[in-house]
Amino acid sequence: GVLATGTTVTITAVGNTIALLENSTVVASASDPAYSGGAPGVMASGTT
């Protein structure tokens, strides 16, 4: 739903576990071994 202004959205990659968090609560996760290395960053589509 609509997230309040100030809500944090976090993605973590630890081992082969990828997790998505809303305000430090895990709301979605998966196990995937495809990538290692790389860098954290931001992506966007449109004017958001």
ModelCIF file with pLDDT and N, C-alpha, C, O atoms, coordinates in Angstrom:
data_MODEL
#
_entry.id   MODEL 
#
_entity.id                         1 
_entity.type                       polymer 
_entity.pdbx_number_of_molecules   1 
#
_entity_poly.entity_id                      1 
_entity_poly.type                           'polypeptide(L)' 
_entity_poly.nstd_linkage                   no 
_entity_poly.nstd_monomer                   no 
_entity_poly.pdbx_seq_one_letter_code       GVLATGTTVTITAVGNTIALLENSTVVASASDPAYSGGAPGVMASGTT 
_entity_poly.pdbx_seq_one_letter_code_can   GVLATGTTVTITAVGNTIALLENSTVVASASDPAYSGGAPGVMASGTT 
_entity_poly.pdbx_strand_id                 A 
#
loop_
_entity_poly_seq.entity_id 
_entity_poly_seq.num 
_entity_poly_seq.mon_id 
_entity_poly_seq.hetero 
1 1  GLY n 
1 2  VAL n 
1 3  LEU n 
1 4  ALA n 
1 5  THR n 
1 6  GLY n 
1 7  THR n 
1 8  THR n 
1 9  VAL n 
1 10 THR n 
1 11 ILE n 
1 12 THR n 
1 13 ALA n 
1 14 VAL n 
1 15 GLY n 
1 16 ASN n 
1 17 THR n 
1 18 ILE n 
1 19 ALA n 
1 20 LEU n 
1 21 LEU n 
1 22 GLU n 
1 23 ASN n 
1 24 SER n 
1 25 THR n 
1 26 VAL n 
1 27 VAL n 
1 28 ALA n 
1 29 SER n 
1 30 ALA n 
1 31 SER n 
1 32 ASP n 
1 33 PRO n 
1 34 ALA n 
1 35 TYR n 
1 36 SER n 
1 37 GLY n 
1 38 GLY n 
1 39 ALA n 
1 40 PRO n 
1 41 GLY n 
1 42 VAL n 
1 43 MET n 
1 44 ALA n 
1 45 SER n 
1 46 GLY n 
1 47 THR n 
1 48 THR n 
#
_struct_asym.id          A 
_struct_asym.entity_id   1 
#
loop_
_ma_qa_metric.id 
_ma_qa_metric.mode 
_ma_qa_metric.name 
_ma_qa_metric.software_group_id 
_ma_qa_metric.type 
1 global pLDDT . pLDDT 
2 local  pLDDT . pLDDT 
#
_ma_qa_metric_global.metric_id      1 
_ma_qa_metric_global.metric_value   95.73 
_ma_qa_metric_global.model_id       1 
_ma_qa_metric_global.ordinal_id     1 
#
loop_
_ma_qa_metric_local.label_asym_id 
_ma_qa_metric_local.label_comp_id 
_ma_qa_metric_local.label_seq_id 
_ma_qa_metric_local.metric_id 
_ma_qa_metric_local.metric_value 
_ma_qa_metric_local.model_id 
_ma_qa_metric_local.ordinal_id 
A GLY 1  2 95.00 1 1  
A VAL 2  2 95.00 1 2  
A LEU 3  2 96.00 1 3  
A ALA 4  2 95.00 1 4  
A THR 5  2 95.00 1 5  
A GLY 6  2 96.00 1 6  
A THR 7  2 97.00 1 7  
A THR 8  2 98.00 1 8  
A VAL 9  2 98.00 1 9  
A THR 10 2 98.00 1 10 
A ILE 11 2 98.00 1 11 
A THR 12 2 98.00 1 12 
A ALA 13 2 97.00 1 13 
A VAL 14 2 97.00 1 14 
A GLY 15 2 95.00 1 15 
A ASN 16 2 94.00 1 16 
A THR 17 2 97.00 1 17 
A ILE 18 2 97.00 1 18 
A ALA 19 2 98.00 1 19 
A LEU 20 2 98.00 1 20 
A LEU 21 2 98.00 1 21 
A GLU 22 2 98.00 1 22 
A ASN 23 2 97.00 1 23 
A SER 24 2 94.00 1 24 
A THR 25 2 96.00 1 25 
A VAL 26 2 97.00 1 26 
A VAL 27 2 97.00 1 27 
A ALA 28 2 97.00 1 28 
A SER 29 2 97.00 1 29 
A ALA 30 2 96.00 1 30 
A SER 31 2 95.00 1 31 
A ASP 32 2 95.00 1 32 
A PRO 33 2 93.00 1 33 
A ALA 34 2 95.00 1 34 
A TYR 35 2 96.00 1 35 
A SER 36 2 95.00 1 36 
A GLY 37 2 96.00 1 37 
A GLY 38 2 97.00 1 38 
A ALA 39 2 97.00 1 39 
A PRO 40 2 98.00 1 40 
A GLY 41 2 97.00 1 41 
A VAL 42 2 96.00 1 42 
A MET 43 2 95.00 1 43 
A ALA 44 2 94.00 1 44 
A SER 45 2 93.00 1 45 
A GLY 46 2 90.00 1 46 
A THR 47 2 86.00 1 47 
A THR 48 2 88.00 1 48 
#
loop_
_atom_site.group_PDB 
_atom_site.id 
_atom_site.type_symbol 
_atom_site.label_atom_id 
_atom_site.label_alt_id 
_atom_site.label_comp_id 
_atom_site.label_asym_id 
_atom_site.label_entity_id 
_atom_site.label_seq_id 
_atom_site.pdbx_PDB_ins_code 
_atom_site.Cartn_x 
_atom_site.Cartn_y 
_atom_site.Cartn_z 
_atom_site.occupancy 
_atom_site.B_iso_or_equiv 
_atom_site.pdbx_formal_charge 
_atom_site.auth_seq_id 
_atom_site.auth_comp_id 
_atom_site.auth_asym_id 
_atom_site.auth_atom_id 
_atom_site.pdbx_PDB_model_num 
ATOM 1   N N  . GLY A 1 1  ? 0.837  -1.185  0.000   1.00 95.00 ? 1  GLY A N  1 
ATOM 2   C CA . GLY A 1 1  ? 0.000  0.000   0.000   1.00 95.00 ? 1  GLY A CA 1 
ATOM 3   C C  . GLY A 1 1  ? 0.874  1.239   0.000   1.00 95.00 ? 1  GLY A C  1 
ATOM 4   O O  . GLY A 1 1  ? 2.087  1.153   -0.196  1.00 95.00 ? 1  GLY A O  1 
ATOM 5   N N  . VAL A 1 2  ? 0.257  2.391   0.220   1.00 95.00 ? 2  VAL A N  1 
ATOM 6   C CA . VAL A 1 2  ? 0.998  3.641   0.239   1.00 95.00 ? 2  VAL A CA 1 
ATOM 7   C C  . VAL A 1 2  ? 1.890  3.693   1.476   1.00 95.00 ? 2  VAL A C  1 
ATOM 8   O O  . VAL A 1 2  ? 1.420  3.488   2.595   1.00 95.00 ? 2  VAL A O  1 
ATOM 9   N N  . LEU A 1 3  ? 3.173  3.966   1.274   1.00 96.00 ? 3  LEU A N  1 
ATOM 10  C CA . LEU A 1 3  ? 4.123  4.070   2.385   1.00 96.00 ? 3  LEU A CA 1 
ATOM 11  C C  . LEU A 1 3  ? 4.184  5.514   2.864   1.00 96.00 ? 3  LEU A C  1 
ATOM 12  O O  . LEU A 1 3  ? 4.222  6.451   2.067   1.00 96.00 ? 3  LEU A O  1 
ATOM 13  N N  . ALA A 1 4  ? 4.193  5.670   4.175   1.00 95.00 ? 4  ALA A N  1 
ATOM 14  C CA . ALA A 1 4  ? 4.270  7.009   4.743   1.00 95.00 ? 4  ALA A CA 1 
ATOM 15  C C  . ALA A 1 4  ? 5.617  7.645   4.412   1.00 95.00 ? 4  ALA A C  1 
ATOM 16  O O  . ALA A 1 4  ? 6.633  6.959   4.298   1.00 95.00 ? 4  ALA A O  1 
ATOM 17  N N  . THR A 1 5  ? 5.605  8.970   4.260   1.00 95.00 ? 5  THR A N  1 
ATOM 18  C CA . THR A 1 5  ? 6.853  9.697   4.056   1.00 95.00 ? 5  THR A CA 1 
ATOM 19  C C  . THR A 1 5  ? 7.820  9.413   5.209   1.00 95.00 ? 5  THR A C  1 
ATOM 20  O O  . THR A 1 5  ? 7.440  9.475   6.379   1.00 95.00 ? 5  THR A O  1 
ATOM 21  N N  . GLY A 1 6  ? 9.043  9.107   4.875   1.00 96.00 ? 6  GLY A N  1 
ATOM 22  C CA . GLY A 1 6  ? 10.039 8.761   5.891   1.00 96.00 ? 6  GLY A CA 1 
ATOM 23  C C  . GLY A 1 6  ? 10.249 7.274   6.059   1.00 96.00 ? 6  GLY A C  1 
ATOM 24  O O  . GLY A 1 6  ? 11.198 6.859   6.724   1.00 96.00 ? 6  GLY A O  1 
ATOM 25  N N  . THR A 1 7  ? 9.374  6.448   5.463   1.00 97.00 ? 7  THR A N  1 
ATOM 26  C CA . THR A 1 7  ? 9.552  4.999   5.516   1.00 97.00 ? 7  THR A CA 1 
ATOM 27  C C  . THR A 1 7  ? 10.853 4.611   4.819   1.00 97.00 ? 7  THR A C  1 
ATOM 28  O O  . THR A 1 7  ? 11.167 5.139   3.753   1.00 97.00 ? 7  THR A O  1 
ATOM 29  N N  . THR A 1 8  ? 11.604 3.696   5.413   1.00 98.00 ? 8  THR A N  1 
ATOM 30  C CA . THR A 1 8  ? 12.822 3.212   4.766   1.00 98.00 ? 8  THR A CA 1 
ATOM 31  C C  . THR A 1 8  ? 12.533 1.916   4.019   1.00 98.00 ? 8  THR A C  1 
ATOM 32  O O  . THR A 1 8  ? 11.803 1.049   4.501   1.00 98.00 ? 8  THR A O  1 
ATOM 33  N N  . VAL A 1 9  ? 13.112 1.806   2.854   1.00 98.00 ? 9  VAL A N  1 
ATOM 34  C CA . VAL A 1 9  ? 13.062 0.589   2.041   1.00 98.00 ? 9  VAL A CA 1 
ATOM 35  C C  . VAL A 1 9  ? 14.495 0.116   1.870   1.00 98.00 ? 9  VAL A C  1 
ATOM 36  O O  . VAL A 1 9  ? 15.346 0.847   1.363   1.00 98.00 ? 9  VAL A O  1 
ATOM 37  N N  . THR A 1 10 ? 14.755 -1.116  2.297   1.00 98.00 ? 10 THR A N  1 
ATOM 38  C CA . THR A 1 10 ? 16.122 -1.638  2.318   1.00 98.00 ? 10 THR A CA 1 
ATOM 39  C C  . THR A 1 10 ? 16.168 -2.968  1.597   1.00 98.00 ? 10 THR A C  1 
ATOM 40  O O  . THR A 1 10 ? 15.267 -3.791  1.753   1.00 98.00 ? 10 THR A O  1 
ATOM 41  N N  . ILE A 1 11 ? 17.195 -3.185  0.818   1.00 98.00 ? 11 ILE A N  1 
ATOM 42  C CA . ILE A 1 11 ? 17.472 -4.492  0.237   1.00 98.00 ? 11 ILE A CA 1 
ATOM 43  C C  . ILE A 1 11 ? 18.835 -4.945  0.728   1.00 98.00 ? 11 ILE A C  1 
ATOM 44  O O  . ILE A 1 11 ? 19.791 -4.170  0.738   1.00 98.00 ? 11 ILE A O  1 
ATOM 45  N N  . THR A 1 12 ? 18.919 -6.208  1.136   1.00 98.00 ? 12 THR A N  1 
ATOM 46  C CA . THR A 1 12 ? 20.181 -6.776  1.600   1.00 98.00 ? 12 THR A CA 1 
ATOM 47  C C  . THR A 1 12 ? 20.504 -8.028  0.802   1.00 98.00 ? 12 THR A C  1 
ATOM 48  O O  . THR A 1 12 ? 19.606 -8.753  0.373   1.00 98.00 ? 12 THR A O  1 
ATOM 49  N N  . ALA A 1 13 ? 21.768 -8.269  0.611   1.00 97.00 ? 13 ALA A N  1 
ATOM 50  C CA . ALA A 1 13 ? 22.254 -9.505  0.006   1.00 97.00 ? 13 ALA A CA 1 
ATOM 51  C C  . ALA A 1 13 ? 23.317 -10.066 0.936   1.00 97.00 ? 13 ALA A C  1 
ATOM 52  O O  . ALA A 1 13 ? 24.402 -9.497  1.062   1.00 97.00 ? 13 ALA A O  1 
ATOM 53  N N  . VAL A 1 14 ? 23.009 -11.176 1.583   1.00 97.00 ? 14 VAL A N  1 
ATOM 54  C CA . VAL A 1 14 ? 23.935 -11.831 2.505   1.00 97.00 ? 14 VAL A CA 1 
ATOM 55  C C  . VAL A 1 14 ? 24.007 -13.298 2.102   1.00 97.00 ? 14 VAL A C  1 
ATOM 56  O O  . VAL A 1 14 ? 23.007 -14.012 2.178   1.00 97.00 ? 14 VAL A O  1 
ATOM 57  N N  . GLY A 1 15 ? 25.173 -13.748 1.677   1.00 95.00 ? 15 GLY A N  1 
ATOM 58  C CA . GLY A 1 15 ? 25.265 -15.097 1.136   1.00 95.00 ? 15 GLY A CA 1 
ATOM 59  C C  . GLY A 1 15 ? 24.374 -15.191 -0.091  1.00 95.00 ? 15 GLY A C  1 
ATOM 60  O O  . GLY A 1 15 ? 24.455 -14.354 -0.989  1.00 95.00 ? 15 GLY A O  1 
ATOM 61  N N  . ASN A 1 16 ? 23.525 -16.208 -0.128  1.00 94.00 ? 16 ASN A N  1 
ATOM 62  C CA . ASN A 1 16 ? 22.593 -16.318 -1.253  1.00 94.00 ? 16 ASN A CA 1 
ATOM 63  C C  . ASN A 1 16 ? 21.185 -15.861 -0.883  1.00 94.00 ? 16 ASN A C  1 
ATOM 64  O O  . ASN A 1 16 ? 20.232 -16.144 -1.608  1.00 94.00 ? 16 ASN A O  1 
ATOM 65  N N  . THR A 1 17 ? 21.048 -15.153 0.243   1.00 97.00 ? 17 THR A N  1 
ATOM 66  C CA . THR A 1 17 ? 19.752 -14.659 0.685   1.00 97.00 ? 17 THR A CA 1 
ATOM 67  C C  . THR A 1 17 ? 19.597 -13.192 0.316   1.00 97.00 ? 17 THR A C  1 
ATOM 68  O O  . THR A 1 17 ? 20.416 -12.350 0.684   1.00 97.00 ? 17 THR A O  1 
ATOM 69  N N  . ILE A 1 18 ? 18.533 -12.907 -0.416  1.00 97.00 ? 18 ILE A N  1 
ATOM 70  C CA . ILE A 1 18 ? 18.209 -11.544 -0.807  1.00 97.00 ? 18 ILE A CA 1 
ATOM 71  C C  . ILE A 1 18 ? 16.913 -11.187 -0.091  1.00 97.00 ? 18 ILE A C  1 
ATOM 72  O O  . ILE A 1 18 ? 15.920 -11.906 -0.206  1.00 97.00 ? 18 ILE A O  1 
ATOM 73  N N  . ALA A 1 19 ? 16.917 -10.078 0.650   1.00 98.00 ? 19 ALA A N  1 
ATOM 74  C CA . ALA A 1 19 ? 15.742 -9.707  1.443   1.00 98.00 ? 19 ALA A CA 1 
ATOM 75  C C  . ALA A 1 19 ? 15.389 -8.249  1.221   1.00 98.00 ? 19 ALA A C  1 
ATOM 76  O O  . ALA A 1 19 ? 16.264 -7.401  1.042   1.00 98.00 ? 19 ALA A O  1 
ATOM 77  N N  . LEU A 1 20 ? 14.079 -7.967  1.235   1.00 98.00 ? 20 LEU A N  1 
ATOM 78  C CA . LEU A 1 20 ? 13.553 -6.617  1.092   1.00 98.00 ? 20 LEU A CA 1 
ATOM 79  C C  . LEU A 1 20 ? 12.836 -6.257  2.386   1.00 98.00 ? 20 LEU A C  1 
ATOM 80  O O  . LEU A 1 20 ? 12.011 -7.023  2.883   1.00 98.00 ? 20 LEU A O  1 
ATOM 81  N N  . LEU A 1 21 ? 13.158 -5.080  2.930   1.00 98.00 ? 21 LEU A N  1 
ATOM 82  C CA . LEU A 1 21 ? 12.632 -4.688  4.230   1.00 98.00 ? 21 LEU A CA 1 
ATOM 83  C C  . LEU A 1 21 ? 11.908 -3.352  4.148   1.00 98.00 ? 21 LEU A C  1 
ATOM 84  O O  . LEU A 1 21 ? 12.313 -2.445  3.420   1.00 98.00 ? 21 LEU A O  1 
ATOM 85  N N  . GLU A 1 22 ? 10.834 -3.257  4.908   1.00 98.00 ? 22 GLU A N  1 
ATOM 86  C CA . GLU A 1 22 ? 10.127 -1.999  5.133   1.00 98.00 ? 22 GLU A CA 1 
ATOM 87  C C  . GLU A 1 22 ? 10.303 -1.631  6.597   1.00 98.00 ? 22 GLU A C  1 
ATOM 88  O O  . GLU A 1 22 ? 9.798  -2.325  7.480   1.00 98.00 ? 22 GLU A O  1 
ATOM 89  N N  . ASN A 1 23 ? 11.018 -0.542  6.858   1.00 97.00 ? 23 ASN A N  1 
ATOM 90  C CA . ASN A 1 23 ? 11.274 -0.112  8.243   1.00 97.00 ? 23 ASN A CA 1 
ATOM 91  C C  . ASN A 1 23 ? 11.791 -1.254  9.120   1.00 97.00 ? 23 ASN A C  1 
ATOM 92  O O  . ASN A 1 23 ? 11.263 -1.498  10.204  1.00 97.00 ? 23 ASN A O  1 
ATOM 93  N N  . SER A 1 24 ? 12.816 -1.942  8.651   1.00 94.00 ? 24 SER A N  1 
ATOM 94  C CA . SER A 1 24 ? 13.472 -3.016  9.417   1.00 94.00 ? 24 SER A CA 1 
ATOM 95  C C  . SER A 1 24 ? 12.591 -4.238  9.639   1.00 94.00 ? 24 SER A C  1 
ATOM 96  O O  . SER A 1 24 ? 12.849 -5.020  10.554  1.00 94.00 ? 24 SER A O  1 
ATOM 97  N N  . THR A 1 25 ? 11.566 -4.417  8.827   1.00 96.00 ? 25 THR A N  1 
ATOM 98  C CA . THR A 1 25 ? 10.753 -5.633  8.846   1.00 96.00 ? 25 THR A CA 1 
ATOM 99  C C  . THR A 1 25 ? 10.884 -6.325  7.499   1.00 96.00 ? 25 THR A C  1 
ATOM 100 O O  . THR A 1 25 ? 10.613 -5.720  6.461   1.00 96.00 ? 25 THR A O  1 
ATOM 101 N N  . VAL A 1 26 ? 11.296 -7.585  7.506   1.00 97.00 ? 26 VAL A N  1 
ATOM 102 C CA . VAL A 1 26 ? 11.437 -8.330  6.259   1.00 97.00 ? 26 VAL A CA 1 
ATOM 103 C C  . VAL A 1 26 ? 10.050 -8.584  5.679   1.00 97.00 ? 26 VAL A C  1 
ATOM 104 O O  . VAL A 1 26 ? 9.209  -9.201  6.333   1.00 97.00 ? 26 VAL A O  1 
ATOM 105 N N  . VAL A 1 27 ? 9.807  -8.115  4.463   1.00 97.00 ? 27 VAL A N  1 
ATOM 106 C CA . VAL A 1 27 ? 8.500  -8.281  3.830   1.00 97.00 ? 27 VAL A CA 1 
ATOM 107 C C  . VAL A 1 27 ? 8.570  -9.179  2.603   1.00 97.00 ? 27 VAL A C  1 
ATOM 108 O O  . VAL A 1 27 ? 7.539  -9.678  2.152   1.00 97.00 ? 27 VAL A O  1 
ATOM 109 N N  . ALA A 1 28 ? 9.743  -9.391  2.062   1.00 97.00 ? 28 ALA A N  1 
ATOM 110 C CA . ALA A 1 28 ? 9.904  -10.266 0.903   1.00 97.00 ? 28 ALA A CA 1 
ATOM 111 C C  . ALA A 1 28 ? 11.339 -10.767 0.884   1.00 97.00 ? 28 ALA A C  1 
ATOM 112 O O  . ALA A 1 28 ? 12.261 -10.050 1.273   1.00 97.00 ? 28 ALA A O  1 
ATOM 113 N N  . SER A 1 29 ? 11.524 -12.000 0.429   1.00 97.00 ? 29 SER A N  1 
ATOM 114 C CA . SER A 1 29 ? 12.877 -12.556 0.388   1.00 97.00 ? 29 SER A CA 1 
ATOM 115 C C  . SER A 1 29 ? 12.944 -13.676 -0.640  1.00 97.00 ? 29 SER A C  1 
ATOM 116 O O  . SER A 1 29 ? 11.925 -14.204 -1.085  1.00 97.00 ? 29 SER A O  1 
ATOM 117 N N  . ALA A 1 30 ? 14.157 -14.017 -0.997  1.00 96.00 ? 30 ALA A N  1 
ATOM 118 C CA . ALA A 1 30 ? 14.393 -15.116 -1.928  1.00 96.00 ? 30 ALA A CA 1 
ATOM 119 C C  . ALA A 1 30 ? 15.819 -15.601 -1.739  1.00 96.00 ? 30 ALA A C  1 
ATOM 120 O O  . ALA A 1 30 ? 16.660 -14.912 -1.163  1.00 96.00 ? 30 ALA A O  1 
ATOM 121 N N  . SER A 1 31 ? 16.067 -16.786 -2.232  1.00 95.00 ? 31 SER A N  1 
ATOM 122 C CA . SER A 1 31 ? 17.419 -17.336 -2.241  1.00 95.00 ? 31 SER A CA 1 
ATOM 123 C C  . SER A 1 31 ? 17.869 -17.426 -3.692  1.00 95.00 ? 31 SER A C  1 
ATOM 124 O O  . SER A 1 31 ? 17.227 -18.077 -4.515  1.00 95.00 ? 31 SER A O  1 
ATOM 125 N N  . ASP A 1 32 ? 18.982 -16.765 -3.992  1.00 95.00 ? 32 ASP A N  1 
ATOM 126 C CA . ASP A 1 32 ? 19.461 -16.752 -5.373  1.00 95.00 ? 32 ASP A CA 1 
ATOM 127 C C  . ASP A 1 32 ? 20.985 -16.624 -5.374  1.00 95.00 ? 32 ASP A C  1 
ATOM 128 O O  . ASP A 1 32 ? 21.525 -15.715 -4.743  1.00 95.00 ? 32 ASP A O  1 
ATOM 129 N N  . PRO A 1 33 ? 21.684 -17.518 -6.071  1.00 93.00 ? 33 PRO A N  1 
ATOM 130 C CA . PRO A 1 33 ? 23.148 -17.502 -6.049  1.00 93.00 ? 33 PRO A CA 1 
ATOM 131 C C  . PRO A 1 33 ? 23.783 -16.848 -7.276  1.00 93.00 ? 33 PRO A C  1 
ATOM 132 O O  . PRO A 1 33 ? 24.993 -16.961 -7.476  1.00 93.00 ? 33 PRO A O  1 
ATOM 133 N N  . ALA A 1 34 ? 22.988 -16.170 -8.096  1.00 95.00 ? 34 ALA A N  1 
ATOM 134 C CA . ALA A 1 34 ? 23.474 -15.751 -9.408  1.00 95.00 ? 34 ALA A CA 1 
ATOM 135 C C  . ALA A 1 34 ? 24.634 -14.773 -9.336  1.00 95.00 ? 34 ALA A C  1 
ATOM 136 O O  . ALA A 1 34 ? 25.581 -14.890 -10.113 1.00 95.00 ? 34 ALA A O  1 
ATOM 137 N N  . TYR A 1 35 ? 24.584 -13.802 -8.415  1.00 96.00 ? 35 TYR A N  1 
ATOM 138 C CA . TYR A 1 35 ? 25.571 -12.731 -8.428  1.00 96.00 ? 35 TYR A CA 1 
ATOM 139 C C  . TYR A 1 35 ? 26.334 -12.639 -7.118  1.00 96.00 ? 35 TYR A C  1 
ATOM 140 O O  . TYR A 1 35 ? 25.786 -12.869 -6.040  1.00 96.00 ? 35 TYR A O  1 
ATOM 141 N N  . SER A 1 36 ? 27.589 -12.302 -7.233  1.00 95.00 ? 36 SER A N  1 
ATOM 142 C CA . SER A 1 36 ? 28.406 -11.915 -6.092  1.00 95.00 ? 36 SER A CA 1 
ATOM 143 C C  . SER A 1 36 ? 29.168 -10.665 -6.490  1.00 95.00 ? 36 SER A C  1 
ATOM 144 O O  . SER A 1 36 ? 29.248 -10.331 -7.672  1.00 95.00 ? 36 SER A O  1 
ATOM 145 N N  . GLY A 1 37 ? 29.726 -9.977  -5.514  1.00 96.00 ? 37 GLY A N  1 
ATOM 146 C CA . GLY A 1 37 ? 30.447 -8.752  -5.830  1.00 96.00 ? 37 GLY A CA 1 
ATOM 147 C C  . GLY A 1 37 ? 29.508 -7.632  -6.214  1.00 96.00 ? 37 GLY A C  1 
ATOM 148 O O  . GLY A 1 37 ? 28.393 -7.549  -5.698  1.00 96.00 ? 37 GLY A O  1 
ATOM 149 N N  . GLY A 1 38 ? 29.948 -6.762  -7.122  1.00 97.00 ? 38 GLY A N  1 
ATOM 150 C CA . GLY A 1 38 ? 29.121 -5.631  -7.506  1.00 97.00 ? 38 GLY A CA 1 
ATOM 151 C C  . GLY A 1 38 ? 29.081 -4.562  -6.429  1.00 97.00 ? 38 GLY A C  1 
ATOM 152 O O  . GLY A 1 38 ? 29.911 -4.543  -5.520  1.00 97.00 ? 38 GLY A O  1 
ATOM 153 N N  . ALA A 1 39 ? 28.097 -3.665  -6.546  1.00 97.00 ? 39 ALA A N  1 
ATOM 154 C CA . ALA A 1 39 ? 28.013 -2.533  -5.637  1.00 97.00 ? 39 ALA A CA 1 
ATOM 155 C C  . ALA A 1 39 ? 26.564 -2.195  -5.327  1.00 97.00 ? 39 ALA A C  1 
ATOM 156 O O  . ALA A 1 39 ? 25.676 -2.474  -6.132  1.00 97.00 ? 39 ALA A O  1 
ATOM 157 N N  . PRO A 1 40 ? 26.316 -1.592  -4.156  1.00 98.00 ? 40 PRO A N  1 
ATOM 158 C CA . PRO A 1 40 ? 24.972 -1.103  -3.857  1.00 98.00 ? 40 PRO A CA 1 
ATOM 159 C C  . PRO A 1 40 ? 24.699 0.204   -4.587  1.00 98.00 ? 40 PRO A C  1 
ATOM 160 O O  . PRO A 1 40 ? 25.631 0.938   -4.918  1.00 98.00 ? 40 PRO A O  1 
ATOM 161 N N  . GLY A 1 41 ? 23.418 0.502   -4.843  1.00 97.00 ? 41 GLY A N  1 
ATOM 162 C CA . GLY A 1 41 ? 23.085 1.739   -5.523  1.00 97.00 ? 41 GLY A CA 1 
ATOM 163 C C  . GLY A 1 41 ? 21.600 1.999   -5.525  1.00 97.00 ? 41 GLY A C  1 
ATOM 164 O O  . GLY A 1 41 ? 20.857 1.410   -4.741  1.00 97.00 ? 41 GLY A O  1 
ATOM 165 N N  . VAL A 1 42 ? 21.164 2.882   -6.406  1.00 96.00 ? 42 VAL A N  1 
ATOM 166 C CA . VAL A 1 42 ? 19.772 3.297   -6.531  1.00 96.00 ? 42 VAL A CA 1 
ATOM 167 C C  . VAL A 1 42 ? 19.372 3.197   -7.988  1.00 96.00 ? 42 VAL A C  1 
ATOM 168 O O  . VAL A 1 42 ? 20.170 3.483   -8.881  1.00 96.00 ? 42 VAL A O  1 
ATOM 169 N N  . MET A 1 43 ? 18.117 2.786   -8.230  1.00 95.00 ? 43 MET A N  1 
ATOM 170 C CA . MET A 1 43 ? 17.559 2.796   -9.580  1.00 95.00 ? 43 MET A CA 1 
ATOM 171 C C  . MET A 1 43 ? 16.193 3.452   -9.517  1.00 95.00 ? 43 MET A C  1 
ATOM 172 O O  . MET A 1 43 ? 15.551 3.460   -8.467  1.00 95.00 ? 43 MET A O  1 
ATOM 173 N N  . ALA A 1 44 ? 15.746 4.004   -10.642 1.00 94.00 ? 44 ALA A N  1 
ATOM 174 C CA . ALA A 1 44 ? 14.459 4.681   -10.662 1.00 94.00 ? 44 ALA A CA 1 
ATOM 175 C C  . ALA A 1 44 ? 13.873 4.647   -12.063 1.00 94.00 ? 44 ALA A C  1 
ATOM 176 O O  . ALA A 1 44 ? 14.586 4.517   -13.058 1.00 94.00 ? 44 ALA A O  1 
ATOM 177 N N  . SER A 1 45 ? 12.550 4.767   -12.110 1.00 93.00 ? 45 SER A N  1 
ATOM 178 C CA . SER A 1 45 ? 11.847 4.894   -13.373 1.00 93.00 ? 45 SER A CA 1 
ATOM 179 C C  . SER A 1 45 ? 10.841 6.022   -13.244 1.00 93.00 ? 45 SER A C  1 
ATOM 180 O O  . SER A 1 45 ? 10.023 6.017   -12.325 1.00 93.00 ? 45 SER A O  1 
ATOM 181 N N  . GLY A 1 46 ? 10.889 7.000   -14.158 1.00 90.00 ? 46 GLY A N  1 
ATOM 182 C CA . GLY A 1 46 ? 9.988  8.132   -14.086 1.00 90.00 ? 46 GLY A CA 1 
ATOM 183 C C  . GLY A 1 46 ? 10.534 9.215   -13.184 1.00 90.00 ? 46 GLY A C  1 
ATOM 184 O O  . GLY A 1 46 ? 11.746 9.365   -13.030 1.00 90.00 ? 46 GLY A O  1 
ATOM 185 N N  . THR A 1 47 ? 9.626  9.968   -12.589 1.00 86.00 ? 47 THR A N  1 
ATOM 186 C CA . THR A 1 47 ? 10.018 11.144  -11.801 1.00 86.00 ? 47 THR A CA 1 
ATOM 187 C C  . THR A 1 47 ? 10.005 10.890  -10.299 1.00 86.00 ? 47 THR A C  1 
ATOM 188 O O  . THR A 1 47 ? 10.157 11.832  -9.520  1.00 86.00 ? 47 THR A O  1 
ATOM 189 N N  . THR A 1 48 ? 9.826  9.638   -9.873  1.00 88.00 ? 48 THR A N  1 
ATOM 190 C CA . THR A 1 48 ? 9.776  9.320   -8.446  1.00 88.00 ? 48 THR A CA 1 
ATOM 191 C C  . THR A 1 48 ? 11.101 9.645   -7.768  1.00 88.00 ? 48 THR A C  1 
ATOM 192 O O  . THR A 1 48 ? 11.244 9.441   -6.562  1.00 88.00 ? 48 THR A O  1 
#
